[in-house]
């Protein structure tokens, strides 16, 4: 499934919501499939969230959904045709956290 929308919320370094303004009931909660950020309570977690916010907040993403993880869609998303994970790494984003496979 392919979907798109404006980023309305960033929860952590690899989680965000896209959808219409003022309609959180219609937002799609996304876990990035191509970047695994440290958890918020781990070293680098807060920095990862800020990095993702600065990159995507208020901007349109196009996402290709894969599977589900908890209550989120796991999706590979692009910003202006470029993979978000690639953009995060280019801006100094370091992957980590529990469950991350090196």
N, C-alpha and C. Protein backbone atom coordinates (compact mmCIF):
# COMPACT_ATOMS: atom_id res chain seq x y z
N UNK A 1 0.85 -1.18 0.00
CA UNK A 1 0.00 0.00 0.00
C UNK A 1 0.89 1.24 0.00
N UNK A 2 0.59 2.18 -0.84
CA UNK A 2 1.31 3.45 -0.90
C UNK A 2 0.37 4.54 -0.40
N UNK A 3 0.89 5.39 0.48
CA UNK A 3 0.10 6.51 0.98
C UNK A 3 1.02 7.71 1.13
N UNK A 4 0.42 8.88 1.25
CA UNK A 4 1.21 10.09 1.41
C UNK A 4 0.48 11.03 2.35
N UNK A 5 1.22 11.99 2.86
CA UNK A 5 0.62 12.98 3.74
C UNK A 5 1.67 13.89 4.33
N UNK A 6 1.18 14.91 4.97
CA UNK A 6 2.04 15.87 5.66
C UNK A 6 2.37 15.32 7.04
N UNK A 7 3.64 15.46 7.45
CA UNK A 7 4.04 15.01 8.78
C UNK A 7 3.47 15.98 9.81
N UNK A 8 2.66 15.45 10.72
CA UNK A 8 1.99 16.26 11.74
C UNK A 8 2.59 16.07 13.13
N UNK A 9 3.30 14.96 13.33
CA UNK A 9 3.82 14.64 14.66
C UNK A 9 5.02 13.72 14.52
N UNK A 10 6.03 13.95 15.35
CA UNK A 10 7.19 13.06 15.43
C UNK A 10 7.27 12.58 16.87
N UNK A 11 7.19 11.27 17.07
CA UNK A 11 7.18 10.70 18.42
C UNK A 11 8.55 10.37 18.95
N UNK A 12 9.42 9.95 18.04
CA UNK A 12 10.79 9.60 18.41
C UNK A 12 11.64 9.67 17.15
N UNK A 13 12.82 9.08 17.17
CA UNK A 13 13.73 9.20 16.05
C UNK A 13 13.39 8.38 14.83
N UNK A 14 12.40 7.48 14.94
CA UNK A 14 11.98 6.70 13.78
C UNK A 14 10.47 6.50 13.73
N UNK A 15 9.73 7.35 14.44
CA UNK A 15 8.28 7.25 14.43
C UNK A 15 7.63 8.60 14.21
N UNK A 16 6.61 8.61 13.34
CA UNK A 16 5.94 9.86 12.99
C UNK A 16 4.51 9.59 12.59
N UNK A 17 3.75 10.64 12.42
CA UNK A 17 2.37 10.54 11.94
C UNK A 17 2.19 11.46 10.75
N UNK A 18 1.47 10.97 9.75
CA UNK A 18 1.11 11.79 8.59
C UNK A 18 -0.40 11.84 8.47
N UNK A 19 -0.91 12.96 7.97
CA UNK A 19 -2.34 13.08 7.78
C UNK A 19 -2.79 14.52 7.66
N UNK A 20 -4.11 14.71 7.62
CA UNK A 20 -4.67 16.05 7.46
C UNK A 20 -4.56 16.87 8.74
N UNK A 21 -4.37 18.17 8.58
CA UNK A 21 -4.27 19.09 9.72
C UNK A 21 -5.53 19.05 10.56
N UNK A 22 -5.35 19.05 11.87
CA UNK A 22 -6.48 19.11 12.78
C UNK A 22 -7.32 17.86 12.84
N UNK A 23 -6.86 16.76 12.25
CA UNK A 23 -7.64 15.51 12.22
C UNK A 23 -6.80 14.33 12.70
N UNK A 24 -6.31 14.37 13.95
CA UNK A 24 -5.47 13.27 14.42
C UNK A 24 -6.15 11.90 14.34
N UNK A 25 -7.46 11.87 14.30
CA UNK A 25 -8.17 10.59 14.16
C UNK A 25 -7.94 9.96 12.78
N UNK A 26 -7.44 10.74 11.83
CA UNK A 26 -7.17 10.24 10.49
C UNK A 26 -5.68 10.11 10.19
N UNK A 27 -4.84 10.40 11.16
CA UNK A 27 -3.40 10.29 10.95
C UNK A 27 -2.99 8.83 10.89
N UNK A 28 -1.97 8.57 10.11
CA UNK A 28 -1.39 7.23 10.02
C UNK A 28 -0.08 7.26 10.81
N UNK A 29 0.03 6.38 11.80
CA UNK A 29 1.25 6.30 12.61
C UNK A 29 2.24 5.38 11.90
N UNK A 30 3.44 5.91 11.66
CA UNK A 30 4.44 5.22 10.86
C UNK A 30 5.71 4.98 11.66
N UNK A 31 6.23 3.77 11.54
CA UNK A 31 7.57 3.47 12.00
C UNK A 31 8.42 3.32 10.75
N UNK A 32 9.49 4.11 10.65
CA UNK A 32 10.34 4.07 9.46
C UNK A 32 10.95 2.69 9.29
N UNK A 33 10.86 2.15 8.11
CA UNK A 33 11.39 0.83 7.83
C UNK A 33 12.86 0.83 7.43
N UNK A 34 13.40 2.01 7.14
CA UNK A 34 14.79 2.06 6.67
C UNK A 34 15.72 2.80 7.63
N UNK A 35 15.27 3.01 8.86
CA UNK A 35 16.14 3.65 9.86
C UNK A 35 15.67 3.20 11.23
N UNK A 36 16.61 2.79 12.07
CA UNK A 36 16.28 2.32 13.42
C UNK A 36 16.98 3.21 14.43
N UNK A 37 16.27 4.17 14.98
CA UNK A 37 16.85 5.13 15.92
C UNK A 37 16.93 4.56 17.32
N UNK A 38 17.86 5.10 18.13
CA UNK A 38 17.88 4.72 19.55
C UNK A 38 16.56 5.11 20.21
N UNK A 39 16.18 4.37 21.24
CA UNK A 39 14.97 4.69 22.00
C UNK A 39 15.17 6.04 22.68
N UNK A 40 14.08 6.75 22.96
CA UNK A 40 14.16 8.08 23.57
C UNK A 40 14.96 8.09 24.87
N UNK A 41 14.82 7.04 25.68
CA UNK A 41 15.49 7.00 26.98
C UNK A 41 16.95 6.53 26.87
N UNK A 42 17.39 6.17 25.69
CA UNK A 42 18.77 5.71 25.48
C UNK A 42 19.64 6.87 25.00
N UNK A 43 20.95 6.69 25.10
CA UNK A 43 21.89 7.70 24.60
C UNK A 43 21.60 7.98 23.13
N UNK A 44 21.46 9.24 22.78
CA UNK A 44 21.21 9.64 21.40
C UNK A 44 19.75 9.65 20.99
N UNK A 45 18.86 9.16 21.86
CA UNK A 45 17.45 9.08 21.51
C UNK A 45 16.79 10.43 21.29
N UNK A 46 17.05 11.36 22.19
CA UNK A 46 16.46 12.70 22.05
C UNK A 46 17.01 13.41 20.83
N UNK A 47 18.31 13.27 20.60
CA UNK A 47 18.92 13.89 19.42
C UNK A 47 18.31 13.32 18.13
N UNK A 48 18.04 12.00 18.13
CA UNK A 48 17.45 11.37 16.95
C UNK A 48 16.06 11.94 16.68
N UNK A 49 15.27 12.17 17.73
CA UNK A 49 13.94 12.74 17.55
C UNK A 49 14.03 14.14 16.97
N UNK A 50 14.91 14.96 17.53
CA UNK A 50 15.07 16.34 17.05
C UNK A 50 15.52 16.34 15.58
N UNK A 51 16.42 15.43 15.23
CA UNK A 51 16.91 15.35 13.85
C UNK A 51 15.77 15.01 12.89
N UNK A 52 14.92 14.05 13.27
CA UNK A 52 13.80 13.69 12.42
C UNK A 52 12.80 14.84 12.32
N UNK A 53 12.51 15.51 13.45
CA UNK A 53 11.59 16.66 13.43
C UNK A 53 12.08 17.73 12.47
N UNK A 54 13.34 18.08 12.57
CA UNK A 54 13.90 19.13 11.71
C UNK A 54 13.85 18.75 10.23
N UNK A 55 13.97 17.47 9.96
CA UNK A 55 13.98 17.00 8.58
C UNK A 55 12.58 16.97 7.96
N UNK A 56 11.58 16.47 8.71
CA UNK A 56 10.29 16.16 8.07
C UNK A 56 9.06 16.92 8.57
N UNK A 57 9.12 17.54 9.74
CA UNK A 57 7.91 18.15 10.31
C UNK A 57 7.28 19.16 9.35
N UNK A 58 5.99 18.96 9.06
CA UNK A 58 5.25 19.86 8.19
C UNK A 58 5.47 19.64 6.71
N UNK A 59 6.23 18.60 6.37
CA UNK A 59 6.56 18.35 4.96
C UNK A 59 5.83 17.10 4.47
N UNK A 60 5.61 17.02 3.16
CA UNK A 60 4.91 15.85 2.60
C UNK A 60 5.85 14.66 2.41
N UNK A 61 5.39 13.50 2.83
CA UNK A 61 6.11 12.25 2.61
C UNK A 61 5.26 11.33 1.75
N UNK A 62 5.92 10.49 0.98
CA UNK A 62 5.28 9.40 0.26
C UNK A 62 5.83 8.13 0.89
N UNK A 63 4.94 7.24 1.31
CA UNK A 63 5.36 6.04 2.05
C UNK A 63 4.81 4.78 1.39
N UNK A 64 5.64 3.74 1.44
CA UNK A 64 5.23 2.41 0.98
C UNK A 64 5.18 1.52 2.21
N UNK A 65 3.98 1.11 2.57
CA UNK A 65 3.78 0.32 3.78
C UNK A 65 4.22 -1.12 3.57
N UNK A 66 4.77 -1.67 4.64
CA UNK A 66 5.14 -3.07 4.65
C UNK A 66 4.25 -3.79 5.65
N UNK A 67 4.80 -4.09 6.79
CA UNK A 67 4.07 -4.82 7.82
C UNK A 67 3.62 -3.87 8.93
N UNK A 68 3.08 -4.44 10.00
CA UNK A 68 2.70 -3.67 11.19
C UNK A 68 3.65 -4.02 12.33
N UNK A 69 3.93 -3.05 13.17
CA UNK A 69 4.71 -3.25 14.38
C UNK A 69 3.93 -2.59 15.50
N UNK A 70 3.39 -3.40 16.40
CA UNK A 70 2.50 -2.91 17.45
C UNK A 70 1.32 -2.24 16.76
N UNK A 71 1.11 -0.94 16.99
CA UNK A 71 -0.03 -0.26 16.38
C UNK A 71 0.38 0.66 15.24
N UNK A 72 1.61 0.49 14.76
CA UNK A 72 2.12 1.36 13.69
C UNK A 72 2.32 0.58 12.40
N UNK A 73 2.26 1.31 11.31
CA UNK A 73 2.60 0.77 10.01
C UNK A 73 4.11 0.93 9.84
N UNK A 74 4.78 -0.12 9.43
CA UNK A 74 6.20 -0.01 9.09
C UNK A 74 6.26 0.35 7.61
N UNK A 75 6.92 1.47 7.30
CA UNK A 75 6.92 1.94 5.92
C UNK A 75 8.24 2.59 5.56
N UNK A 76 8.60 2.46 4.32
CA UNK A 76 9.74 3.20 3.77
C UNK A 76 9.16 4.46 3.14
N UNK A 77 9.65 5.60 3.63
CA UNK A 77 9.10 6.89 3.19
C UNK A 77 10.16 7.71 2.48
N UNK A 78 9.69 8.55 1.57
CA UNK A 78 10.58 9.45 0.85
C UNK A 78 10.14 10.89 1.05
N UNK A 79 11.14 11.76 1.04
CA UNK A 79 10.94 13.20 1.10
C UNK A 79 11.57 13.76 -0.17
N UNK A 80 10.78 14.37 -1.02
CA UNK A 80 11.26 14.87 -2.30
C UNK A 80 11.98 13.78 -3.10
N UNK A 81 11.45 12.56 -3.02
CA UNK A 81 11.99 11.44 -3.79
C UNK A 81 13.19 10.75 -3.17
N UNK A 82 13.65 11.22 -2.01
CA UNK A 82 14.82 10.61 -1.37
C UNK A 82 14.40 9.88 -0.10
N UNK A 83 14.95 8.69 0.13
CA UNK A 83 14.59 7.91 1.32
C UNK A 83 14.92 8.65 2.62
N UNK A 84 13.96 8.69 3.52
CA UNK A 84 14.14 9.40 4.79
C UNK A 84 15.31 8.82 5.58
N UNK A 85 15.44 7.49 5.62
CA UNK A 85 16.56 6.88 6.33
C UNK A 85 17.90 7.34 5.81
N UNK A 86 18.02 7.42 4.50
CA UNK A 86 19.25 7.89 3.87
C UNK A 86 19.53 9.35 4.26
N UNK A 87 18.49 10.16 4.26
CA UNK A 87 18.64 11.57 4.62
C UNK A 87 19.06 11.72 6.08
N UNK A 88 18.49 10.89 6.96
CA UNK A 88 18.88 10.94 8.38
C UNK A 88 20.34 10.57 8.56
N UNK A 89 20.79 9.51 7.90
CA UNK A 89 22.20 9.11 8.01
C UNK A 89 23.11 10.19 7.46
N UNK A 90 22.72 10.84 6.37
CA UNK A 90 23.53 11.91 5.77
C UNK A 90 23.65 13.12 6.71
N UNK A 91 22.68 13.26 7.62
CA UNK A 91 22.70 14.37 8.58
C UNK A 91 23.27 13.95 9.93
N UNK A 92 23.96 12.83 9.95
CA UNK A 92 24.62 12.39 11.17
C UNK A 92 23.83 11.44 12.03
N UNK A 93 22.69 10.98 11.56
CA UNK A 93 21.89 10.04 12.32
C UNK A 93 22.59 8.71 12.49
N UNK A 94 22.63 8.23 13.74
CA UNK A 94 23.28 6.96 14.05
C UNK A 94 22.20 5.98 14.49
N UNK A 95 22.20 4.81 13.90
CA UNK A 95 21.20 3.81 14.24
C UNK A 95 21.62 3.05 15.51
N UNK A 96 20.63 2.54 16.21
CA UNK A 96 20.90 1.80 17.43
C UNK A 96 19.61 1.47 18.14
N UNK A 97 19.70 1.20 19.41
CA UNK A 97 18.50 0.88 20.17
C UNK A 97 18.27 -0.60 20.23
N UNK A 98 17.35 -0.97 21.11
CA UNK A 98 17.05 -2.39 21.26
C UNK A 98 16.38 -2.92 20.00
N UNK A 99 16.76 -4.09 19.63
CA UNK A 99 16.18 -4.70 18.43
C UNK A 99 16.88 -4.36 17.14
N UNK A 100 17.80 -3.40 17.18
CA UNK A 100 18.50 -3.01 15.96
C UNK A 100 19.51 -4.08 15.60
N UNK A 101 19.47 -4.50 14.35
CA UNK A 101 20.41 -5.53 13.87
C UNK A 101 21.53 -4.84 13.11
N UNK A 102 22.72 -5.02 13.56
CA UNK A 102 23.88 -4.39 12.93
C UNK A 102 24.24 -5.07 11.63
